Amino acid sequence: MVTELGWFYIAGVTFLFFFWAYGIVSFLLDLKNIIVPKTRQYIRGRRRMKQQEEEESEREERERQLY
């Protein structure tokens, strides 16, 4: 038979388990819905900026060659 202290221990562990599981699920959902999309957006922006810089440098080089 489980003692009164045993019941408190089981209830406490169960209670803490739900918060632990909720934290893991919340973190994974944050990764999926916030962090991963923002990271992809940042990478796209960096690529776009790099491409624009390359195009501008090519344009300036062509202009210098014309003169």
PDB file of N, CA and C in Angstrom:
ATOM      1  N   MET A   1       0.844  -1.178   0.000  1.00  0.00           N
ATOM      2  CA  MET A   1       0.000   0.000   0.000  1.00  0.00           C
ATOM      3  C   MET A   1       0.891   1.244   0.000  1.00  0.00           C
ATOM      4  N   VAL A   2       0.494   2.214  -0.788  1.00  0.00           N
ATOM      5  CA  VAL A   2       1.255   3.447  -0.900  1.00  0.00           C
ATOM      6  C   VAL A   2       0.910   4.341   0.290  1.00  0.00           C
ATOM      7  N   THR A   3       1.949   4.900   0.892  1.00  0.00           N
ATOM      8  CA  THR A   3       1.730   5.786   2.044  1.00  0.00           C
ATOM      9  C   THR A   3       1.285   7.160   1.558  1.00  0.00           C
ATOM     10  N   GLU A   4       0.930   7.990   2.524  1.00  0.00           N
ATOM     11  CA  GLU A   4       0.486   9.343   2.197  1.00  0.00           C
ATOM     12  C   GLU A   4       1.609  10.136   1.533  1.00  0.00           C
ATOM     13  N   LEU A   5       2.822   9.962   2.029  1.00  0.00           N
ATOM     14  CA  LEU A   5       3.967  10.624   1.426  1.00  0.00           C
ATOM     15  C   LEU A   5       4.183  10.131  -0.003  1.00  0.00           C
ATOM     16  N   GLY A   6       3.949   8.855  -0.247  1.00  0.00           N
ATOM     17  CA  GLY A   6       4.059   8.289  -1.592  1.00  0.00           C
ATOM     18  C   GLY A   6       3.056   8.908  -2.547  1.00  0.00           C
ATOM     19  N   TRP A   7       1.816   9.127  -2.061  1.00  0.00           N
ATOM     20  CA  TRP A   7       0.796   9.761  -2.906  1.00  0.00           C
ATOM     21  C   TRP A   7       1.194  11.189  -3.261  1.00  0.00           C
ATOM     22  N   PHE A   8       1.742  11.923  -2.291  1.00  0.00           N
ATOM     23  CA  PHE A   8       2.201  13.290  -2.567  1.00  0.00           C
ATOM     24  C   PHE A   8       3.334  13.285  -3.596  1.00  0.00           C
ATOM     25  N   TYR A   9       4.214  12.316  -3.466  1.00  0.00           N
ATOM     26  CA  TYR A   9       5.332  12.203  -4.410  1.00  0.00           C
ATOM     27  C   TYR A   9       4.811  11.910  -5.816  1.00  0.00           C
ATOM     28  N   ILE A  10       3.908  10.944  -5.935  1.00  0.00           N
ATOM     29  CA  ILE A  10       3.335  10.594  -7.247  1.00  0.00           C
ATOM     30  C   ILE A  10       2.590  11.782  -7.838  1.00  0.00           C
ATOM     31  N   ALA A  11       1.796  12.473  -7.022  1.00  0.00           N
ATOM     32  CA  ALA A  11       1.050  13.646  -7.508  1.00  0.00           C
ATOM     33  C   ALA A  11       2.014  14.755  -7.938  1.00  0.00           C
ATOM     34  N   GLY A  12       3.055  14.990  -7.171  1.00  0.00           N
ATOM     35  CA  GLY A  12       4.025  16.032  -7.512  1.00  0.00           C
ATOM     36  C   GLY A  12       4.771  15.719  -8.792  1.00  0.00           C
ATOM     37  N   VAL A  13       5.208  14.468  -8.947  1.00  0.00           N
ATOM     38  CA  VAL A  13       5.916  14.076 -10.162  1.00  0.00           C
ATOM     39  C   VAL A  13       5.001  14.193 -11.370  1.00  0.00           C
ATOM     40  N   THR A  14       3.753  13.757 -11.225  1.00  0.00           N
ATOM     41  CA  THR A  14       2.792  13.868 -12.332  1.00  0.00           C
ATOM     42  C   THR A  14       2.556  15.330 -12.693  1.00  0.00           C
ATOM     43  N   PHE A  15       2.402  16.168 -11.687  1.00  0.00           N
ATOM     44  CA  PHE A  15       2.189  17.601 -11.898  1.00  0.00           C
ATOM     45  C   PHE A  15       3.368  18.219 -12.641  1.00  0.00           C
ATOM     46  N   LEU A  16       4.579  17.916 -12.178  1.00  0.00           N
ATOM     47  CA  LEU A  16       5.769  18.467 -12.826  1.00  0.00           C
ATOM     48  C   LEU A  16       5.971  17.902 -14.223  1.00  0.00           C
ATOM     49  N   PHE A  17       5.582  16.653 -14.457  1.00  0.00           N
ATOM     50  CA  PHE A  17       5.707  16.049 -15.781  1.00  0.00           C
ATOM     51  C   PHE A  17       4.890  16.815 -16.811  1.00  0.00           C
ATOM     52  N   PHE A  18       3.684  17.236 -16.447  1.00  0.00           N
ATOM     53  CA  PHE A  18       2.850  17.965 -17.396  1.00  0.00           C
ATOM     54  C   PHE A  18       3.483  19.302 -17.788  1.00  0.00           C
ATOM     55  N   PHE A  19       4.083  20.003 -16.832  1.00  0.00           N
ATOM     56  CA  PHE A  19       4.754  21.259 -17.169  1.00  0.00           C
ATOM     57  C   PHE A  19       6.002  21.013 -18.003  1.00  0.00           C
ATOM     58  N   TRP A  20       6.709  19.937 -17.729  1.00  0.00           N
ATOM     59  CA  TRP A  20       7.897  19.570 -18.500  1.00  0.00           C
ATOM     60  C   TRP A  20       7.498  19.259 -19.945  1.00  0.00           C
ATOM     61  N   ALA A  21       6.459  18.438 -20.105  1.00  0.00           N
ATOM     62  CA  ALA A  21       5.996  18.073 -21.449  1.00  0.00           C
ATOM     63  C   ALA A  21       5.472  19.310 -22.180  1.00  0.00           C
ATOM     64  N   TYR A  22       4.720  20.172 -21.478  1.00  0.00           N
ATOM     65  CA  TYR A  22       4.201  21.390 -22.084  1.00  0.00           C
ATOM     66  C   TYR A  22       5.355  22.276 -22.562  1.00  0.00           C
ATOM     67  N   GLY A  23       6.411  22.371 -21.787  1.00  0.00           N
ATOM     68  CA  GLY A  23       7.569  23.176 -22.167  1.00  0.00           C
ATOM     69  C   GLY A  23       8.231  22.649 -23.420  1.00  0.00           C
ATOM     70  N   ILE A  24       8.385  21.333 -23.516  1.00  0.00           N
ATOM     71  CA  ILE A  24       9.004  20.741 -24.707  1.00  0.00           C
ATOM     72  C   ILE A  24       8.136  20.980 -25.934  1.00  0.00           C
ATOM     73  N   VAL A  25       6.837  20.745 -25.810  1.00  0.00           N
ATOM     74  CA  VAL A  25       5.927  20.944 -26.945  1.00  0.00           C
ATOM     75  C   VAL A  25       5.905  22.413 -27.350  1.00  0.00           C
ATOM     76  N   SER A  26       5.870  23.299 -26.378  1.00  0.00           N
ATOM     77  CA  SER A  26       5.866  24.735 -26.671  1.00  0.00           C
ATOM     78  C   SER A  26       7.144  25.150 -27.398  1.00  0.00           C
ATOM     79  N   PHE A  27       8.286  24.628 -26.953  1.00  0.00           N
ATOM     80  CA  PHE A  27       9.556  24.944 -27.603  1.00  0.00           C
ATOM     81  C   PHE A  27       9.565  24.445 -29.047  1.00  0.00           C
ATOM     82  N   LEU A  28       9.091  23.226 -29.267  1.00  0.00           N
ATOM     83  CA  LEU A  28       9.065  22.684 -30.627  1.00  0.00           C
ATOM     84  C   LEU A  28       8.133  23.477 -31.529  1.00  0.00           C
ATOM     85  N   LEU A  29       6.997  23.889 -31.007  1.00  0.00           N
ATOM     86  CA  LEU A  29       6.076  24.704 -31.808  1.00  0.00           C
ATOM     87  C   LEU A  29       6.676  26.074 -32.104  1.00  0.00           C
ATOM     88  N   ASP A  30       7.402  26.652 -31.138  1.00  0.00           N
ATOM     89  CA  ASP A  30       8.089  27.926 -31.388  1.00  0.00           C
ATOM     90  C   ASP A  30       9.139  27.764 -32.486  1.00  0.00           C
ATOM     91  N   LEU A  31       9.865  26.645 -32.442  1.00  0.00           N
ATOM     92  CA  LEU A  31      10.841  26.385 -33.501  1.00  0.00           C
ATOM     93  C   LEU A  31      10.149  26.332 -34.850  1.00  0.00           C
ATOM     94  N   LYS A  32       9.072  25.564 -34.914  1.00  0.00           N
ATOM     95  CA  LYS A  32       8.370  25.348 -36.183  1.00  0.00           C
ATOM     96  C   LYS A  32       7.715  26.630 -36.702  1.00  0.00           C
ATOM     97  N   ASN A  33       7.110  27.394 -35.830  1.00  0.00           N
ATOM     98  CA  ASN A  33       6.293  28.527 -36.277  1.00  0.00           C
ATOM     99  C   ASN A  33       7.002  29.875 -36.244  1.00  0.00           C
ATOM    100  N   ILE A  34       8.089  30.011 -35.495  1.00  0.00           N
ATOM    101  CA  ILE A  34       8.730  31.318 -35.359  1.00  0.00           C
ATOM    102  C   ILE A  34      10.188  31.279 -35.799  1.00  0.00           C
ATOM    103  N   ILE A  35      10.977  30.434 -35.170  1.00  0.00           N
ATOM    104  CA  ILE A  35      12.427  30.487 -35.364  1.00  0.00           C
ATOM    105  C   ILE A  35      12.834  30.032 -36.760  1.00  0.00           C
ATOM    106  N   VAL A  36      12.297  28.910 -37.227  1.00  0.00           N
ATOM    107  CA  VAL A  36      12.669  28.401 -38.557  1.00  0.00           C
ATOM    108  C   VAL A  36      12.240  29.369 -39.665  1.00  0.00           C
ATOM    109  N   PRO A  37      10.989  29.883 -39.669  1.00  0.00           N
ATOM    110  CA  PRO A  37      10.625  30.843 -40.728  1.00  0.00           C
ATOM    111  C   PRO A  37      11.467  32.123 -40.698  1.00  0.00           C
ATOM    112  N   LYS A  38      11.763  32.647 -39.499  1.00  0.00           N
ATOM    113  CA  LYS A  38      12.569  33.868 -39.422  1.00  0.00           C
ATOM    114  C   LYS A  38      13.993  33.604 -39.903  1.00  0.00           C
ATOM    115  N   THR A  39      14.527  32.425 -39.613  1.00  0.00           N
ATOM    116  CA  THR A  39      15.864  32.081 -40.087  1.00  0.00           C
ATOM    117  C   THR A  39      15.876  31.988 -41.607  1.00  0.00           C
ATOM    118  N   ARG A  40      14.859  31.356 -42.178  1.00  0.00           N
ATOM    119  CA  ARG A  40      14.771  31.272 -43.641  1.00  0.00           C
ATOM    120  C   ARG A  40      14.654  32.656 -44.259  1.00  0.00           C
ATOM    121  N   GLN A  41      13.846  33.517 -43.656  1.00  0.00           N
ATOM    122  CA  GLN A  41      13.682  34.876 -44.160  1.00  0.00           C
ATOM    123  C   GLN A  41      15.008  35.630 -44.099  1.00  0.00           C
ATOM    124  N   TYR A  42      15.751  35.474 -43.028  1.00  0.00           N
ATOM    125  CA  TYR A  42      17.050  36.138 -42.879  1.00  0.00           C
ATOM    126  C   TYR A  42      18.016  35.662 -43.962  1.00  0.00           C
ATOM    127  N   ILE A  43      18.045  34.351 -44.202  1.00  0.00           N
ATOM    128  CA  ILE A  43      18.955  33.800 -45.210  1.00  0.00           C
ATOM    129  C   ILE A  43      18.572  34.309 -46.598  1.00  0.00           C
ATOM    130  N   ARG A  44      17.268  34.346 -46.903  1.00  0.00           N
ATOM    131  CA  ARG A  44      16.820  34.876 -48.194  1.00  0.00           C
ATOM    132  C   ARG A  44      17.230  36.335 -48.360  1.00  0.00           C
ATOM    133  N   GLY A  45      17.070  37.111 -47.293  1.00  0.00           N
ATOM    134  CA  GLY A  45      17.437  38.519 -47.346  1.00  0.00           C
ATOM    135  C   GLY A  45      18.928  38.709 -47.581  1.00  0.00           C
ATOM    136  N   ARG A  46      19.751  37.908 -46.902  1.00  0.00           N
ATOM    137  CA  ARG A  46      21.200  38.007 -47.090  1.00  0.00           C
ATOM    138  C   ARG A  46      21.585  37.647 -48.523  1.00  0.00           C
ATOM    139  N   ARG A  47      20.962  36.594 -49.074  1.00  0.00           N
ATOM    140  CA  ARG A  47      21.247  36.208 -50.465  1.00  0.00           C
ATOM    141  C   ARG A  47      20.848  37.316 -51.423  1.00  0.00           C
ATOM    142  N   ARG A  48      19.680  37.915 -51.172  1.00  0.00           N
ATOM    143  CA  ARG A  48      19.198  38.988 -52.039  1.00  0.00           C
ATOM    144  C   ARG A  48      20.143  40.189 -51.979  1.00  0.00           C
ATOM    145  N   MET A  49      20.595  40.540 -50.781  1.00  0.00           N
ATOM    146  CA  MET A  49      21.527  41.666 -50.650  1.00  0.00           C
ATOM    147  C   MET A  49      22.842  41.358 -51.359  1.00  0.00           C
ATOM    148  N   LYS A  50      23.329  40.143 -51.239  1.00  0.00           N
ATOM    149  CA  LYS A  50      24.577  39.770 -51.892  1.00  0.00           C
ATOM    150  C   LYS A  50      24.426  39.831 -53.405  1.00  0.00           C
ATOM    151  N   GLN A  51      23.288  39.355 -53.902  1.00  0.00           N
ATOM    152  CA  GLN A  51      23.044  39.382 -55.342  1.00  0.00           C
ATOM    153  C   GLN A  51      22.964  40.826 -55.842  1.00  0.00           C
ATOM    154  N   GLN A  52      22.305  41.703 -55.083  1.00  0.00           N
ATOM    155  CA  GLN A  52      22.208  43.105 -55.490  1.00  0.00           C
ATOM    156  C   GLN A  52      23.584  43.763 -55.499  1.00  0.00           C
ATOM    157  N   GLU A  53      24.405  43.452 -54.511  1.00  0.00           N
ATOM    158  CA  GLU A  53      25.759  44.011 -54.480  1.00  0.00           C
ATOM    159  C   GLU A  53      26.574  43.541 -55.677  1.00  0.00           C
ATOM    160  N   GLU A  54      26.445  42.264 -56.031  1.00  0.00           N
ATOM    161  CA  GLU A  54      27.161  41.743 -57.192  1.00  0.00           C
ATOM    162  C   GLU A  54      26.692  42.422 -58.474  1.00  0.00           C
ATOM    163  N   GLU A  55      25.380  42.599 -58.630  1.00  0.00           N
ATOM    164  CA  GLU A  55      24.845  43.260 -59.818  1.00  0.00           C
ATOM    165  C   GLU A  55      25.336  44.705 -59.894  1.00  0.00           C
ATOM    166  N   GLU A  56      25.352  45.387 -58.756  1.00  0.00           N
ATOM    167  CA  GLU A  56      25.793  46.778 -58.748  1.00  0.00           C
ATOM    168  C   GLU A  56      27.281  46.879 -59.077  1.00  0.00           C
ATOM    169  N   SER A  57      28.082  45.970 -58.549  1.00  0.00           N
ATOM    170  CA  SER A  57      29.511  46.018 -58.849  1.00  0.00           C
ATOM    171  C   SER A  57      29.765  45.706 -60.324  1.00  0.00           C
ATOM    172  N   GLU A  58      28.995  44.780 -60.894  1.00  0.00           N
ATOM    173  CA  GLU A  58      29.128  44.486 -62.328  1.00  0.00           C
ATOM    174  C   GLU A  58      28.730  45.709 -63.162  1.00  0.00           C
ATOM    175  N   ARG A  59      27.665  46.379 -62.757  1.00  0.00           N
ATOM    176  CA  ARG A  59      27.206  47.569 -63.484  1.00  0.00           C
ATOM    177  C   ARG A  59      28.261  48.666 -63.416  1.00  0.00           C
ATOM    178  N   GLU A  60      28.824  48.877 -62.221  1.00  0.00           N
ATOM    179  CA  GLU A  60      29.865  49.901 -62.087  1.00  0.00           C
ATOM    180  C   GLU A  60      31.096  49.535 -62.913  1.00  0.00           C
ATOM    181  N   GLU A  61      31.426  48.265 -62.959  1.00  0.00           N
ATOM    182  CA  GLU A  61      32.587  47.842 -63.752  1.00  0.00           C
ATOM    183  C   GLU A  61      32.330  48.079 -65.232  1.00  0.00           C
ATOM    184  N   ARG A  62      31.124  47.767 -65.690  1.00  0.00           N
ATOM    185  CA  ARG A  62      30.791  48.030 -67.104  1.00  0.00           C
ATOM    186  C   ARG A  62      30.848  49.518 -67.422  1.00  0.00           C
ATOM    187  N   GLU A  63      30.362  50.349 -66.485  1.00  0.00           N
ATOM    188  CA  GLU A  63      30.412  51.804 -66.698  1.00  0.00           C
ATOM    189  C   GLU A  63      31.853  52.286 -66.774  1.00  0.00           C
ATOM    190  N   ARG A  64      32.735  51.750 -65.922  1.00  0.00           N
ATOM    191  CA  ARG A  64      34.134  52.151 -65.956  1.00  0.00           C
ATOM    192  C   ARG A  64      34.802  51.717 -67.259  1.00  0.00           C
ATOM    193  N   GLN A  65      34.415  50.575 -67.772  1.00  0.00           N
ATOM    194  CA  GLN A  65      34.994  50.110 -69.028  1.00  0.00           C
ATOM    195  C   GLN A  65      34.555  50.964 -70.223  1.00  0.00           C
ATOM    196  N   LEU A  66      33.351  51.536 -70.134  1.00  0.00           N
ATOM    197  CA  LEU A  66      32.866  52.375 -71.216  1.00  0.00           C
ATOM    198  C   LEU A  66      33.638  53.696 -71.281  1.00  0.00           C
ATOM    199  N   TYR A  67      34.143  54.200 -70.179  1.00  0.00           N
ATOM    200  CA  TYR A  67      34.818  55.498 -70.175  1.00  0.00           C
ATOM    201  C   TYR A  67      36.284  55.386 -70.275  1.00  0.00           C
TER     202      TYR A  67
END
